[in-house]
Amino acid sequence: MAKENDNGNTRFFIIGDWGGLPFLPYETPSEVAVAGAMGRLGKTLNTSFQLALGDNFYFDGVQSVNDPRFEVGFIFY
């Protein structure tokens, strides 16, 4: 369950098809810039969560739950 903000509203971001590379470093400068901007705006707007949709792993996907893409590709900015 999402937490409510001080005024009783639940605010959140949804982003899909955010890009990335199928090889190290996996992220692009644009992707990093958008993540940083979303983090700053999320703090300003007091969002409860951010939801990422679709197209997370291009070309070959991930091989297992231990795939390094999870460790390297999901960095909090």
N, C-alpha and C. Protein backbone atom coordinates (compact mmCIF):
# COMPACT_ATOMS: atom_id res chain seq x y z
N MET A 1 0.84 -1.17 0.00
CA MET A 1 0.00 0.00 0.00
C MET A 1 0.90 1.24 0.00
N ALA A 2 0.58 2.18 -0.86
CA ALA A 2 1.37 3.41 -0.97
C ALA A 2 1.10 4.31 0.23
N LYS A 3 2.14 4.98 0.67
CA LYS A 3 1.97 5.90 1.79
C LYS A 3 1.29 7.18 1.30
N GLU A 4 0.52 7.76 2.16
CA GLU A 4 -0.12 9.04 1.83
C GLU A 4 0.81 10.18 2.20
N ASN A 5 0.71 11.26 1.48
CA ASN A 5 1.47 12.46 1.80
C ASN A 5 0.77 13.22 2.91
N ASP A 6 1.39 14.29 3.35
CA ASP A 6 0.86 15.07 4.47
C ASP A 6 -0.57 15.54 4.25
N ASN A 7 -0.96 15.78 3.00
CA ASN A 7 -2.29 16.27 2.72
C ASN A 7 -3.28 15.15 2.38
N GLY A 8 -2.88 13.90 2.56
CA GLY A 8 -3.76 12.77 2.32
C GLY A 8 -3.76 12.27 0.88
N ASN A 9 -3.00 12.90 0.00
CA ASN A 9 -2.91 12.47 -1.39
C ASN A 9 -1.76 11.49 -1.59
N THR A 10 -1.91 10.65 -2.59
CA THR A 10 -0.82 9.78 -3.00
C THR A 10 -0.36 10.26 -4.37
N ARG A 11 0.89 10.70 -4.45
CA ARG A 11 1.45 11.18 -5.71
C ARG A 11 2.54 10.20 -6.14
N PHE A 12 2.63 9.99 -7.47
CA PHE A 12 3.65 9.09 -7.98
C PHE A 12 3.98 9.41 -9.41
N PHE A 13 5.14 8.90 -9.87
CA PHE A 13 5.57 8.99 -11.25
C PHE A 13 5.40 7.62 -11.90
N ILE A 14 5.10 7.63 -13.18
CA ILE A 14 5.14 6.42 -13.99
C ILE A 14 6.02 6.73 -15.19
N ILE A 15 6.96 5.86 -15.47
CA ILE A 15 7.82 6.03 -16.63
C ILE A 15 7.96 4.69 -17.34
N GLY A 16 7.94 4.72 -18.65
CA GLY A 16 8.10 3.50 -19.43
C GLY A 16 9.11 3.71 -20.54
N ASP A 17 9.73 2.63 -20.94
CA ASP A 17 10.70 2.64 -22.03
C ASP A 17 11.76 3.72 -21.81
N TRP A 18 12.47 3.61 -20.68
CA TRP A 18 13.40 4.67 -20.30
C TRP A 18 14.75 4.57 -20.98
N GLY A 19 14.94 3.58 -21.79
CA GLY A 19 16.19 3.49 -22.54
C GLY A 19 17.20 2.59 -21.87
N GLY A 20 18.43 2.80 -22.20
CA GLY A 20 19.50 1.97 -21.66
C GLY A 20 20.23 1.25 -22.77
N LEU A 21 21.33 0.65 -22.40
CA LEU A 21 22.17 -0.08 -23.34
C LEU A 21 22.17 -1.55 -22.96
N PRO A 22 22.34 -2.44 -23.94
CA PRO A 22 22.36 -3.88 -23.62
C PRO A 22 23.73 -4.35 -23.15
N PHE A 23 24.65 -3.43 -22.86
CA PHE A 23 26.00 -3.79 -22.42
C PHE A 23 26.47 -2.74 -21.42
N LEU A 24 27.49 -3.06 -20.66
CA LEU A 24 28.01 -2.11 -19.67
C LEU A 24 28.35 -0.79 -20.33
N PRO A 25 28.03 0.31 -19.77
CA PRO A 25 27.55 0.55 -18.41
C PRO A 25 26.03 0.44 -18.27
N TYR A 26 25.32 -0.03 -19.29
CA TYR A 26 23.87 -0.24 -19.34
C TYR A 26 23.08 1.06 -19.42
N GLU A 27 23.50 2.10 -18.76
CA GLU A 27 22.72 3.35 -18.77
C GLU A 27 23.33 4.35 -19.75
N THR A 28 22.51 5.29 -20.16
CA THR A 28 22.96 6.36 -21.04
C THR A 28 22.97 7.67 -20.24
N PRO A 29 23.71 8.68 -20.69
CA PRO A 29 23.69 9.97 -19.99
C PRO A 29 22.27 10.55 -19.87
N SER A 30 21.47 10.38 -20.89
CA SER A 30 20.09 10.89 -20.85
C SER A 30 19.27 10.17 -19.78
N GLU A 31 19.45 8.87 -19.69
CA GLU A 31 18.74 8.07 -18.68
C GLU A 31 19.12 8.52 -17.27
N VAL A 32 20.40 8.75 -17.04
CA VAL A 32 20.88 9.21 -15.74
C VAL A 32 20.33 10.60 -15.42
N ALA A 33 20.29 11.47 -16.42
CA ALA A 33 19.75 12.82 -16.21
C ALA A 33 18.26 12.79 -15.86
N VAL A 34 17.50 11.95 -16.55
CA VAL A 34 16.07 11.83 -16.26
C VAL A 34 15.86 11.26 -14.86
N ALA A 35 16.63 10.26 -14.48
CA ALA A 35 16.51 9.67 -13.14
C ALA A 35 16.80 10.72 -12.07
N GLY A 36 17.83 11.51 -12.27
CA GLY A 36 18.16 12.56 -11.31
C GLY A 36 17.06 13.59 -11.20
N ALA A 37 16.51 14.00 -12.35
CA ALA A 37 15.43 14.98 -12.36
C ALA A 37 14.18 14.42 -11.68
N MET A 38 13.87 13.15 -11.93
CA MET A 38 12.71 12.54 -11.27
C MET A 38 12.91 12.47 -9.77
N GLY A 39 14.13 12.18 -9.33
CA GLY A 39 14.40 12.13 -7.89
C GLY A 39 14.22 13.48 -7.24
N ARG A 40 14.74 14.52 -7.88
CA ARG A 40 14.59 15.87 -7.33
C ARG A 40 13.13 16.32 -7.34
N LEU A 41 12.44 16.07 -8.44
CA LEU A 41 11.04 16.47 -8.52
C LEU A 41 10.18 15.65 -7.55
N GLY A 42 10.53 14.38 -7.39
CA GLY A 42 9.81 13.55 -6.43
C GLY A 42 9.90 14.08 -5.01
N LYS A 43 11.08 14.58 -4.64
CA LYS A 43 11.24 15.18 -3.32
C LYS A 43 10.44 16.47 -3.21
N THR A 44 10.48 17.29 -4.25
CA THR A 44 9.75 18.56 -4.25
C THR A 44 8.24 18.34 -4.15
N LEU A 45 7.74 17.36 -4.90
CA LEU A 45 6.30 17.08 -4.93
C LEU A 45 5.86 16.10 -3.86
N ASN A 46 6.81 15.58 -3.08
CA ASN A 46 6.51 14.62 -2.01
C ASN A 46 5.79 13.39 -2.56
N THR A 47 6.39 12.77 -3.60
CA THR A 47 5.77 11.58 -4.17
C THR A 47 5.93 10.39 -3.22
N SER A 48 5.00 9.47 -3.32
CA SER A 48 5.01 8.27 -2.50
C SER A 48 5.86 7.16 -3.11
N PHE A 49 5.89 7.09 -4.45
CA PHE A 49 6.66 6.06 -5.12
C PHE A 49 6.82 6.43 -6.59
N GLN A 50 7.68 5.67 -7.29
CA GLN A 50 7.87 5.81 -8.72
C GLN A 50 7.77 4.43 -9.33
N LEU A 51 7.02 4.32 -10.41
CA LEU A 51 6.74 3.04 -11.03
C LEU A 51 7.39 2.99 -12.41
N ALA A 52 8.20 1.97 -12.66
CA ALA A 52 8.86 1.79 -13.95
C ALA A 52 8.14 0.69 -14.74
N LEU A 53 7.78 1.01 -15.97
CA LEU A 53 7.04 0.08 -16.81
C LEU A 53 7.81 -0.28 -18.07
N GLY A 54 7.84 -1.52 -18.41
CA GLY A 54 8.26 -2.03 -19.70
C GLY A 54 9.58 -1.62 -20.30
N ASP A 55 10.02 -2.42 -21.23
CA ASP A 55 11.26 -2.22 -21.99
C ASP A 55 12.44 -1.90 -21.09
N ASN A 56 12.61 -2.66 -20.04
CA ASN A 56 13.69 -2.43 -19.09
C ASN A 56 15.01 -3.05 -19.54
N PHE A 57 14.95 -4.13 -20.29
CA PHE A 57 16.15 -4.86 -20.68
C PHE A 57 16.10 -5.14 -22.17
N TYR A 58 16.86 -4.37 -22.92
CA TYR A 58 16.81 -4.48 -24.37
C TYR A 58 17.54 -5.70 -24.91
N PHE A 59 17.11 -6.15 -26.07
CA PHE A 59 17.70 -7.20 -26.90
C PHE A 59 17.61 -8.58 -26.28
N ASP A 60 18.42 -8.91 -25.28
CA ASP A 60 18.46 -10.28 -24.76
C ASP A 60 17.79 -10.46 -23.41
N GLY A 61 17.28 -9.40 -22.81
CA GLY A 61 16.66 -9.51 -21.50
C GLY A 61 17.67 -9.84 -20.42
N VAL A 62 17.21 -10.51 -19.40
CA VAL A 62 18.09 -10.98 -18.32
C VAL A 62 18.09 -12.50 -18.34
N GLN A 63 19.14 -13.07 -17.81
CA GLN A 63 19.30 -14.53 -17.87
C GLN A 63 18.75 -15.25 -16.64
N SER A 64 18.75 -14.56 -15.48
CA SER A 64 18.25 -15.16 -14.24
C SER A 64 18.07 -14.06 -13.20
N VAL A 65 17.59 -14.43 -12.03
CA VAL A 65 17.44 -13.44 -10.94
C VAL A 65 18.80 -12.95 -10.44
N ASN A 66 19.87 -13.66 -10.79
CA ASN A 66 21.22 -13.28 -10.39
C ASN A 66 21.96 -12.49 -11.47
N ASP A 67 21.27 -12.12 -12.52
CA ASP A 67 21.89 -11.39 -13.62
C ASP A 67 22.46 -10.06 -13.11
N PRO A 68 23.67 -9.70 -13.51
CA PRO A 68 24.28 -8.45 -13.05
C PRO A 68 23.50 -7.20 -13.45
N ARG A 69 22.60 -7.33 -14.41
CA ARG A 69 21.80 -6.17 -14.80
C ARG A 69 20.98 -5.65 -13.61
N PHE A 70 20.57 -6.52 -12.71
CA PHE A 70 19.82 -6.08 -11.53
C PHE A 70 20.69 -5.28 -10.58
N GLU A 71 21.95 -5.67 -10.45
CA GLU A 71 22.86 -4.98 -9.55
C GLU A 71 23.35 -3.66 -10.13
N VAL A 72 23.59 -3.62 -11.43
CA VAL A 72 24.16 -2.45 -12.07
C VAL A 72 23.07 -1.54 -12.64
N GLY A 73 22.01 -2.11 -13.15
CA GLY A 73 21.00 -1.33 -13.86
C GLY A 73 19.96 -0.64 -12.98
N PHE A 74 19.83 -1.03 -11.74
CA PHE A 74 18.84 -0.43 -10.87
C PHE A 74 19.55 0.31 -9.75
N ILE A 75 20.08 1.44 -10.10
CA ILE A 75 20.81 2.28 -9.14
C ILE A 75 19.90 3.44 -8.76
N PHE A 76 19.83 3.74 -7.50
CA PHE A 76 19.02 4.85 -7.05
C PHE A 76 19.84 6.13 -7.12
N TYR A 77 19.30 7.13 -7.76
CA TYR A 77 20.00 8.40 -7.93
C TYR A 77 19.46 9.42 -6.96
